[in-house]
Amino acid sequence: VLDHEPPVILTPAATTLNARPVITWQSIPGAIRYELLVSNLSTGVNQFINRTNLTGTSFTPSENLGIGRYRTWVRAVDALERPGFWSVPK
């Protein structure tokens, strides 16, 4: 059961020029995978949600994100497929 604080997003920094920034977060005990949401604040569109294969604590987009402002959230999912709380956005 994920009854503790949500993950903390560690990178990227608040501003990056990298079109494919590596997004990292702290691991959560009991998590078997993570869900990641990246929202494009410039267009109002959710860029992607990765719900299936994210078992580590980092993710690099396979395509350039493009110029704009983005917000990222991550949450842990336990062995019973119960998600924890979403992180504070970064």
PDB file of N, CA and C in Angstrom:
ATOM      1  N   VAL A   1       0.847  -1.178   0.000  1.00  0.00           N
ATOM      2  CA  VAL A   1       0.000   0.000   0.000  1.00  0.00           C
ATOM      3  C   VAL A   1       0.890   1.238   0.000  1.00  0.00           C
ATOM      4  N   LEU A   2       0.616   2.148  -0.890  1.00  0.00           N
ATOM      5  CA  LEU A   2       1.406   3.368  -1.014  1.00  0.00           C
ATOM      6  C   LEU A   2       0.758   4.472  -0.192  1.00  0.00           C
ATOM      7  N   ASP A   3       0.929   4.396   1.114  1.00  0.00           N
ATOM      8  CA  ASP A   3       0.279   5.343   2.012  1.00  0.00           C
ATOM      9  C   ASP A   3       1.247   6.388   2.539  1.00  0.00           C
ATOM     10  N   HIS A   4       2.231   6.739   1.754  1.00  0.00           N
ATOM     11  CA  HIS A   4       3.219   7.716   2.179  1.00  0.00           C
ATOM     12  C   HIS A   4       3.312   8.827   1.143  1.00  0.00           C
ATOM     13  N   GLU A   5       4.266   9.694   1.325  1.00  0.00           N
ATOM     14  CA  GLU A   5       4.429  10.836   0.435  1.00  0.00           C
ATOM     15  C   GLU A   5       4.636  10.393  -1.013  1.00  0.00           C
ATOM     16  N   PRO A   6       4.174  11.188  -1.963  1.00  0.00           N
ATOM     17  CA  PRO A   6       4.397  10.864  -3.377  1.00  0.00           C
ATOM     18  C   PRO A   6       5.861  11.079  -3.760  1.00  0.00           C
ATOM     19  N   PRO A   7       6.256  10.602  -4.929  1.00  0.00           N
ATOM     20  CA  PRO A   7       7.637  10.811  -5.378  1.00  0.00           C
ATOM     21  C   PRO A   7       7.946  12.303  -5.512  1.00  0.00           C
ATOM     22  N   VAL A   8       9.209  12.626  -5.412  1.00  0.00           N
ATOM     23  CA  VAL A   8       9.685  13.987  -5.658  1.00  0.00           C
ATOM     24  C   VAL A   8      10.432  13.971  -6.980  1.00  0.00           C
ATOM     25  N   ILE A   9      10.056  14.851  -7.889  1.00  0.00           N
ATOM     26  CA  ILE A   9      10.756  14.952  -9.167  1.00  0.00           C
ATOM     27  C   ILE A   9      12.078  15.661  -8.934  1.00  0.00           C
ATOM     28  N   LEU A  10      13.172  15.037  -9.382  1.00  0.00           N
ATOM     29  CA  LEU A  10      14.513  15.557  -9.127  1.00  0.00           C
ATOM     30  C   LEU A  10      15.078  16.366 -10.295  1.00  0.00           C
ATOM     31  N   THR A  11      14.864  15.893 -11.514  1.00  0.00           N
ATOM     32  CA  THR A  11      15.345  16.605 -12.699  1.00  0.00           C
ATOM     33  C   THR A  11      14.296  16.504 -13.800  1.00  0.00           C
ATOM     34  N   PRO A  12      14.302  17.401 -14.746  1.00  0.00           N
ATOM     35  CA  PRO A  12      15.303  18.403 -15.058  1.00  0.00           C
ATOM     36  C   PRO A  12      15.164  19.639 -14.166  1.00  0.00           C
ATOM     37  N   ALA A  13      16.117  20.558 -14.335  1.00  0.00           N
ATOM     38  CA  ALA A  13      16.046  21.830 -13.616  1.00  0.00           C
ATOM     39  C   ALA A  13      14.814  22.600 -14.099  1.00  0.00           C
ATOM     40  N   ALA A  14      14.511  23.668 -13.443  1.00  0.00           N
ATOM     41  CA  ALA A  14      13.323  24.460 -13.797  1.00  0.00           C
ATOM     42  C   ALA A  14      13.350  24.917 -15.253  1.00  0.00           C
ATOM     43  N   THR A  15      14.528  25.187 -15.770  1.00  0.00           N
ATOM     44  CA  THR A  15      14.667  25.596 -17.168  1.00  0.00           C
ATOM     45  C   THR A  15      15.719  24.721 -17.824  1.00  0.00           C
ATOM     46  N   THR A  16      15.393  24.218 -19.010  1.00  0.00           N
ATOM     47  CA  THR A  16      16.346  23.406 -19.760  1.00  0.00           C
ATOM     48  C   THR A  16      16.221  23.718 -21.242  1.00  0.00           C
ATOM     49  N   LEU A  17      17.314  23.614 -21.949  1.00  0.00           N
ATOM     50  CA  LEU A  17      17.318  23.789 -23.397  1.00  0.00           C
ATOM     51  C   LEU A  17      17.299  22.449 -24.116  1.00  0.00           C
ATOM     52  N   ASN A  18      17.321  21.356 -23.345  1.00  0.00           N
ATOM     53  CA  ASN A  18      17.339  20.010 -23.902  1.00  0.00           C
ATOM     54  C   ASN A  18      15.941  19.660 -24.416  1.00  0.00           C
ATOM     55  N   ALA A  19      15.832  19.290 -25.683  1.00  0.00           N
ATOM     56  CA  ALA A  19      14.537  18.941 -26.273  1.00  0.00           C
ATOM     57  C   ALA A  19      14.016  17.589 -25.782  1.00  0.00           C
ATOM     58  N   ARG A  20      14.919  16.771 -25.236  1.00  0.00           N
ATOM     59  CA  ARG A  20      14.558  15.469 -24.661  1.00  0.00           C
ATOM     60  C   ARG A  20      15.166  15.357 -23.261  1.00  0.00           C
ATOM     61  N   PRO A  21      14.652  16.127 -22.329  1.00  0.00           N
ATOM     62  CA  PRO A  21      15.262  16.121 -20.994  1.00  0.00           C
ATOM     63  C   PRO A  21      15.025  14.801 -20.266  1.00  0.00           C
ATOM     64  N   VAL A  22      16.014  14.380 -19.496  1.00  0.00           N
ATOM     65  CA  VAL A  22      15.859  13.195 -18.663  1.00  0.00           C
ATOM     66  C   VAL A  22      15.071  13.624 -17.423  1.00  0.00           C
ATOM     67  N   ILE A  23      13.938  12.979 -17.198  1.00  0.00           N
ATOM     68  CA  ILE A  23      13.098  13.255 -16.039  1.00  0.00           C
ATOM     69  C   ILE A  23      13.401  12.178 -15.008  1.00  0.00           C
ATOM     70  N   THR A  24      13.805  12.586 -13.808  1.00  0.00           N
ATOM     71  CA  THR A  24      14.109  11.619 -12.750  1.00  0.00           C
ATOM     72  C   THR A  24      13.318  11.966 -11.496  1.00  0.00           C
ATOM     73  N   TRP A  25      13.068  10.941 -10.680  1.00  0.00           N
ATOM     74  CA  TRP A  25      12.346  11.137  -9.439  1.00  0.00           C
ATOM     75  C   TRP A  25      12.849  10.125  -8.422  1.00  0.00           C
ATOM     76  N   GLN A  26      12.517  10.391  -7.151  1.00  0.00           N
ATOM     77  CA  GLN A  26      12.958   9.485  -6.089  1.00  0.00           C
ATOM     78  C   GLN A  26      12.119   8.214  -6.118  1.00  0.00           C
ATOM     79  N   SER A  27      12.718   7.102  -5.723  1.00  0.00           N
ATOM     80  CA  SER A  27      11.982   5.838  -5.680  1.00  0.00           C
ATOM     81  C   SER A  27      11.079   5.807  -4.452  1.00  0.00           C
ATOM     82  N   ILE A  28      10.022   5.039  -4.562  1.00  0.00           N
ATOM     83  CA  ILE A  28       9.053   4.886  -3.479  1.00  0.00           C
ATOM     84  C   ILE A  28       9.037   3.408  -3.067  1.00  0.00           C
ATOM     85  N   PRO A  29       9.269   3.098  -1.792  1.00  0.00           N
ATOM     86  CA  PRO A  29       9.206   1.701  -1.337  1.00  0.00           C
ATOM     87  C   PRO A  29       7.829   1.097  -1.631  1.00  0.00           C
ATOM     88  N   GLY A  30       7.814  -0.095  -2.189  1.00  0.00           N
ATOM     89  CA  GLY A  30       6.560  -0.779  -2.499  1.00  0.00           C
ATOM     90  C   GLY A  30       6.033  -0.512  -3.897  1.00  0.00           C
ATOM     91  N   ALA A  31       6.652   0.401  -4.616  1.00  0.00           N
ATOM     92  CA  ALA A  31       6.202   0.695  -5.986  1.00  0.00           C
ATOM     93  C   ALA A  31       6.753  -0.357  -6.938  1.00  0.00           C
ATOM     94  N   ILE A  32       5.888  -0.843  -7.842  1.00  0.00           N
ATOM     95  CA  ILE A  32       6.356  -1.771  -8.874  1.00  0.00           C
ATOM     96  C   ILE A  32       6.508  -1.058 -10.212  1.00  0.00           C
ATOM     97  N   ARG A  33       5.866   0.104 -10.340  1.00  0.00           N
ATOM     98  CA  ARG A  33       6.001   0.921 -11.541  1.00  0.00           C
ATOM     99  C   ARG A  33       5.551   2.338 -11.216  1.00  0.00           C
ATOM    100  N   TYR A  34       5.721   3.215 -12.195  1.00  0.00           N
ATOM    101  CA  TYR A  34       5.360   4.619 -12.030  1.00  0.00           C
ATOM    102  C   TYR A  34       4.552   5.072 -13.230  1.00  0.00           C
ATOM    103  N   GLU A  35       3.727   6.080 -13.018  1.00  0.00           N
ATOM    104  CA  GLU A  35       2.990   6.722 -14.102  1.00  0.00           C
ATOM    105  C   GLU A  35       3.513   8.144 -14.226  1.00  0.00           C
ATOM    106  N   LEU A  36       3.709   8.585 -15.451  1.00  0.00           N
ATOM    107  CA  LEU A  36       4.280   9.897 -15.718  1.00  0.00           C
ATOM    108  C   LEU A  36       3.337  10.684 -16.614  1.00  0.00           C
ATOM    109  N   LEU A  37       3.108  11.933 -16.266  1.00  0.00           N
ATOM    110  CA  LEU A  37       2.278  12.823 -17.068  1.00  0.00           C
ATOM    111  C   LEU A  37       3.074  14.081 -17.343  1.00  0.00           C
ATOM    112  N   VAL A  38       3.158  14.468 -18.606  1.00  0.00           N
ATOM    113  CA  VAL A  38       3.814  15.711 -19.001  1.00  0.00           C
ATOM    114  C   VAL A  38       2.786  16.544 -19.748  1.00  0.00           C
ATOM    115  N   SER A  39       2.534  17.736 -19.240  1.00  0.00           N
ATOM    116  CA  SER A  39       1.538  18.621 -19.829  1.00  0.00           C
ATOM    117  C   SER A  39       2.229  19.819 -20.463  1.00  0.00           C
ATOM    118  N   ASN A  40       1.855  20.132 -21.690  1.00  0.00           N
ATOM    119  CA  ASN A  40       2.383  21.291 -22.385  1.00  0.00           C
ATOM    120  C   ASN A  40       1.545  22.497 -21.967  1.00  0.00           C
ATOM    121  N   LEU A  41       2.107  23.375 -21.147  1.00  0.00           N
ATOM    122  CA  LEU A  41       1.371  24.537 -20.667  1.00  0.00           C
ATOM    123  C   LEU A  41       1.155  25.575 -21.759  1.00  0.00           C
ATOM    124  N   SER A  42       2.003  25.556 -22.779  1.00  0.00           N
ATOM    125  CA  SER A  42       1.880  26.516 -23.877  1.00  0.00           C
ATOM    126  C   SER A  42       0.680  26.212 -24.759  1.00  0.00           C
ATOM    127  N   THR A  43       0.361  24.922 -24.931  1.00  0.00           N
ATOM    128  CA  THR A  43      -0.755  24.536 -25.802  1.00  0.00           C
ATOM    129  C   THR A  43      -1.961  24.003 -25.021  1.00  0.00           C
ATOM    130  N   GLY A  44      -1.746  23.653 -23.744  1.00  0.00           N
ATOM    131  CA  GLY A  44      -2.835  23.091 -22.946  1.00  0.00           C
ATOM    132  C   GLY A  44      -3.087  21.619 -23.211  1.00  0.00           C
ATOM    133  N   VAL A  45      -2.140  20.944 -23.865  1.00  0.00           N
ATOM    134  CA  VAL A  45      -2.303  19.536 -24.238  1.00  0.00           C
ATOM    135  C   VAL A  45      -1.395  18.666 -23.375  1.00  0.00           C
ATOM    136  N   ASN A  46      -1.928  17.539 -22.900  1.00  0.00           N
ATOM    137  CA  ASN A  46      -1.088  16.562 -22.210  1.00  0.00           C
ATOM    138  C   ASN A  46      -0.209  15.900 -23.260  1.00  0.00           C
ATOM    139  N   GLN A  47       1.098  16.055 -23.080  1.00  0.00           N
ATOM    140  CA  GLN A  47       2.039  15.550 -24.084  1.00  0.00           C
ATOM    141  C   GLN A  47       2.047  14.031 -24.147  1.00  0.00           C
ATOM    142  N   PHE A  48       2.136  13.385 -23.013  1.00  0.00           N
ATOM    143  CA  PHE A  48       2.059  11.929 -22.995  1.00  0.00           C
ATOM    144  C   PHE A  48       1.793  11.445 -21.587  1.00  0.00           C
ATOM    145  N   ILE A  49       1.231  10.278 -21.503  1.00  0.00           N
ATOM    146  CA  ILE A  49       1.068   9.577 -20.236  1.00  0.00           C
ATOM    147  C   ILE A  49       1.677   8.207 -20.441  1.00  0.00           C
ATOM    148  N   ASN A  50       2.602   7.826 -19.593  1.00  0.00           N
ATOM    149  CA  ASN A  50       3.222   6.507 -19.696  1.00  0.00           C
ATOM    150  C   ASN A  50       2.770   5.696 -18.490  1.00  0.00           C
ATOM    151  N   ARG A  51       2.004   4.654 -18.719  1.00  0.00           N
ATOM    152  CA  ARG A  51       1.410   3.903 -17.621  1.00  0.00           C
ATOM    153  C   ARG A  51       1.875   2.457 -17.514  1.00  0.00           C
ATOM    154  N   THR A  52       2.646   1.968 -18.457  1.00  0.00           N
ATOM    155  CA  THR A  52       2.862   0.527 -18.463  1.00  0.00           C
ATOM    156  C   THR A  52       4.288   0.072 -18.186  1.00  0.00           C
ATOM    157  N   ASN A  53       5.271   0.666 -18.822  1.00  0.00           N
ATOM    158  CA  ASN A  53       6.630   0.118 -18.771  1.00  0.00           C
ATOM    159  C   ASN A  53       7.586   0.901 -17.894  1.00  0.00           C
ATOM    160  N   LEU A  54       7.106   1.799 -17.105  1.00  0.00           N
ATOM    161  CA  LEU A  54       7.972   2.691 -16.346  1.00  0.00           C
ATOM    162  C   LEU A  54       8.266   2.087 -14.978  1.00  0.00           C
ATOM    163  N   THR A  55       9.269   1.203 -14.930  1.00  0.00           N
ATOM    164  CA  THR A  55       9.594   0.517 -13.676  1.00  0.00           C
ATOM    165  C   THR A  55      10.770   1.153 -12.949  1.00  0.00           C
ATOM    166  N   GLY A  56      11.527   2.002 -13.630  1.00  0.00           N
ATOM    167  CA  GLY A  56      12.660   2.687 -13.008  1.00  0.00           C
ATOM    168  C   GLY A  56      12.268   4.076 -12.534  1.00  0.00           C
ATOM    169  N   THR A  57      13.258   4.857 -12.187  1.00  0.00           N
ATOM    170  CA  THR A  57      13.004   6.200 -11.666  1.00  0.00           C
ATOM    171  C   THR A  57      13.517   7.288 -12.605  1.00  0.00           C
ATOM    172  N   SER A  58      13.500   6.984 -13.898  1.00  0.00           N
ATOM    173  CA  SER A  58      13.855   8.012 -14.877  1.00  0.00           C
ATOM    174  C   SER A  58      13.139   7.720 -16.191  1.00  0.00           C
ATOM    175  N   PHE A  59      13.015   8.774 -16.978  1.00  0.00           N
ATOM    176  CA  PHE A  59      12.365   8.649 -18.282  1.00  0.00           C
ATOM    177  C   PHE A  59      12.947   9.714 -19.198  1.00  0.00           C
ATOM    178  N   THR A  60      13.250   9.314 -20.439  1.00  0.00           N
ATOM    179  CA  THR A  60      13.690  10.245 -21.466  1.00  0.00           C
ATOM    180  C   THR A  60      12.694  10.154 -22.617  1.00  0.00           C
ATOM    181  N   PRO A  61      12.092  11.274 -23.023  1.00  0.00           N
ATOM    182  CA  PRO A  61      11.134  11.230 -24.140  1.00  0.00           C
ATOM    183  C   PRO A  61      11.787  10.679 -25.404  1.00  0.00           C
ATOM    184  N   SER A  62      11.022   9.916 -26.169  1.00  0.00           N
ATOM    185  CA  SER A  62      11.550   9.353 -27.420  1.00  0.00           C
ATOM    186  C   SER A  62      11.492  10.362 -28.560  1.00  0.00           C
ATOM    187  N   GLU A  63      10.730  11.443 -28.376  1.00  0.00           N
ATOM    188  CA  GLU A  63      10.629  12.506 -29.372  1.00  0.00           C
ATOM    189  C   GLU A  63      10.877  13.841 -28.686  1.00  0.00           C
ATOM    190  N   ASN A  64      11.324  14.824 -29.469  1.00  0.00           N
ATOM    191  CA  ASN A  64      11.541  16.153 -28.917  1.00  0.00           C
ATOM    192  C   ASN A  64      10.236  16.711 -28.372  1.00  0.00           C
ATOM    193  N   LEU A  65      10.312  17.374 -27.222  1.00  0.00           N
ATOM    194  CA  LEU A  65       9.119  17.985 -26.640  1.00  0.00           C
ATOM    195  C   LEU A  65       8.719  19.254 -27.375  1.00  0.00           C
ATOM    196  N   GLY A  66       9.664  19.952 -27.938  1.00  0.00           N
ATOM    197  CA  GLY A  66       9.356  21.190 -28.633  1.00  0.00           C
ATOM    198  C   GLY A  66       9.488  22.383 -27.702  1.00  0.00           C
ATOM    199  N   ILE A  67       9.479  23.556 -28.290  1.00  0.00           N
ATOM    200  CA  ILE A  67       9.613  24.781 -27.517  1.00  0.00           C
ATOM    201  C   ILE A  67       8.330  25.023 -26.748  1.00  0.00           C
ATOM    202  N   GLY A  68       8.465  25.407 -25.499  1.00  0.00           N
ATOM    203  CA  GLY A  68       7.280  25.714 -24.707  1.00  0.00           C
ATOM    204  C   GLY A  68       7.529  25.516 -23.231  1.00  0.00           C
ATOM    205  N   ARG A  69       6.474  25.686 -22.470  1.00  0.00           N
ATOM    206  CA  ARG A  69       6.518  25.470 -21.025  1.00  0.00           C
ATOM    207  C   ARG A  69       5.788  24.169 -20.724  1.00  0.00           C
ATOM    208  N   TYR A  70       6.374  23.357 -19.842  1.00  0.00           N
ATOM    209  CA  TYR A  70       5.820  22.048 -19.517  1.00  0.00           C
ATOM    210  C   TYR A  70       5.709  21.879 -18.009  1.00  0.00           C
ATOM    211  N   ARG A  71       4.804  21.035 -17.619  1.00  0.00           N
ATOM    212  CA  ARG A  71       4.666  20.651 -16.208  1.00  0.00           C
ATOM    213  C   ARG A  71       4.633  19.131 -16.163  1.00  0.00           C
ATOM    214  N   THR A  72       5.336  18.556 -15.183  1.00  0.00           N
ATOM    215  CA  THR A  72       5.473  17.104 -15.072  1.00  0.00           C
ATOM    216  C   THR A  72       4.992  16.620 -13.710  1.00  0.00           C
ATOM    217  N   TRP A  73       4.286  15.486 -13.705  1.00  0.00           N
ATOM    218  CA  TRP A  73       3.858  14.809 -12.483  1.00  0.00           C
ATOM    219  C   TRP A  73       4.256  13.340 -12.583  1.00  0.00           C
ATOM    220  N   VAL A  74       4.453  12.705 -11.451  1.00  0.00           N
ATOM    221  CA  VAL A  74       4.717  11.267 -11.412  1.00  0.00           C
ATOM    222  C   VAL A  74       4.020  10.691 -10.179  1.00  0.00           C
ATOM    223  N   ARG A  75       3.589   9.435 -10.282  1.00  0.00           N
ATOM    224  CA  ARG A  75       3.038   8.745  -9.109  1.00  0.00           C
ATOM    225  C   ARG A  75       3.441   7.282  -9.178  1.00  0.00           C
ATOM    226  N   ALA A  76       3.483   6.669  -8.007  1.00  0.00           N
ATOM    227  CA  ALA A  76       3.859   5.268  -7.896  1.00  0.00           C
ATOM    228  C   ALA A  76       2.622   4.386  -7.932  1.00  0.00           C
ATOM    229  N   VAL A  77       2.789   3.146  -8.394  1.00  0.00           N
ATOM    230  CA  VAL A  77       1.709   2.152  -8.427  1.00  0.00           C
ATOM    231  C   VAL A  77       2.225   0.906  -7.719  1.00  0.00           C
ATOM    232  N   ASP A  78       1.410   0.333  -6.819  1.00  0.00           N
ATOM    233  CA  ASP A  78       1.862  -0.834  -6.053  1.00  0.00           C
ATOM    234  C   ASP A  78       1.500  -2.148  -6.739  1.00  0.00           C
ATOM    235  N   ALA A  79       1.839  -3.254  -6.116  1.00  0.00           N
ATOM    236  CA  ALA A  79       1.642  -4.590  -6.695  1.00  0.00           C
ATOM    237  C   ALA A  79       0.170  -4.932  -6.927  1.00  0.00           C
ATOM    238  N   LEU A  80      -0.729  -4.265  -6.229  1.00  0.00           N
ATOM    239  CA  LEU A  80      -2.169  -4.490  -6.433  1.00  0.00           C
ATOM    240  C   LEU A  80      -2.767  -3.501  -7.427  1.00  0.00           C
ATOM    241  N   GLU A  81      -1.875  -2.808  -8.158  1.00  0.00           N
ATOM    242  CA  GLU A  81      -2.268  -1.827  -9.169  1.00  0.00           C
ATOM    243  C   GLU A  81      -2.998  -0.614  -8.575  1.00  0.00           C
ATOM    244  N   ARG A  82      -2.694  -0.300  -7.329  1.00  0.00           N
ATOM    245  CA  ARG A  82      -3.273   0.891  -6.698  1.00  0.00           C
ATOM    246  C   ARG A  82      -2.286   2.035  -6.812  1.00  0.00           C
ATOM    247  N   PRO A  83      -2.689   3.137  -7.446  1.00  0.00           N
ATOM    248  CA  PRO A  83      -1.781   4.271  -7.569  1.00  0.00           C
ATOM    249  C   PRO A  83      -1.702   5.077  -6.279  1.00  0.00           C
ATOM    250  N   GLY A  84      -0.535   5.648  -6.033  1.00  0.00           N
ATOM    251  CA  GLY A  84      -0.356   6.572  -4.930  1.00  0.00           C
ATOM    252  C   GLY A  84      -0.754   7.970  -5.368  1.00  0.00           C
ATOM    253  N   PHE A  85      -0.380   8.952  -4.571  1.00  0.00           N
ATOM    254  CA  PHE A  85      -0.691  10.336  -4.900  1.00  0.00           C
ATOM    255  C   PHE A  85       0.261  10.867  -5.964  1.00  0.00           C
ATOM    256  N   TRP A  86      -0.244  11.794  -6.783  1.00  0.00           N
ATOM    257  CA  TRP A  86       0.608  12.461  -7.764  1.00  0.00           C
ATOM    258  C   TRP A  86       1.610  13.347  -7.027  1.00  0.00           C
ATOM    259  N   SER A  87       2.787  13.468  -7.598  1.00  0.00           N
ATOM    260  CA  SER A  87       3.832  14.333  -7.044  1.00  0.00           C
ATOM    261  C   SER A  87       3.424  15.796  -7.157  1.00  0.00           C
ATOM    262  N   VAL A  88       4.163  16.631  -6.476  1.00  0.00           N
ATOM    263  CA  VAL A  88       4.053  18.065  -6.684  1.00  0.00           C
ATOM    264  C   VAL A  88       4.583  18.318  -8.110  1.00  0.00           C
ATOM    265  N   PRO A  89       3.885  19.079  -8.918  1.00  0.00           N
ATOM    266  CA  PRO A  89       4.355  19.275 -10.297  1.00  0.00           C
ATOM    267  C   PRO A  89       5.662  20.048 -10.352  1.00  0.00           C
ATOM    268  N   LYS A  90       6.410  19.766 -11.400  1.00  0.00           N
ATOM    269  CA  LYS A  90       7.652  20.507 -11.635  1.00  0.00           C
ATOM    270  C   LYS A  90       7.684  20.943 -13.071  1.00  0.00           C
TER     271      LYS A  90
END
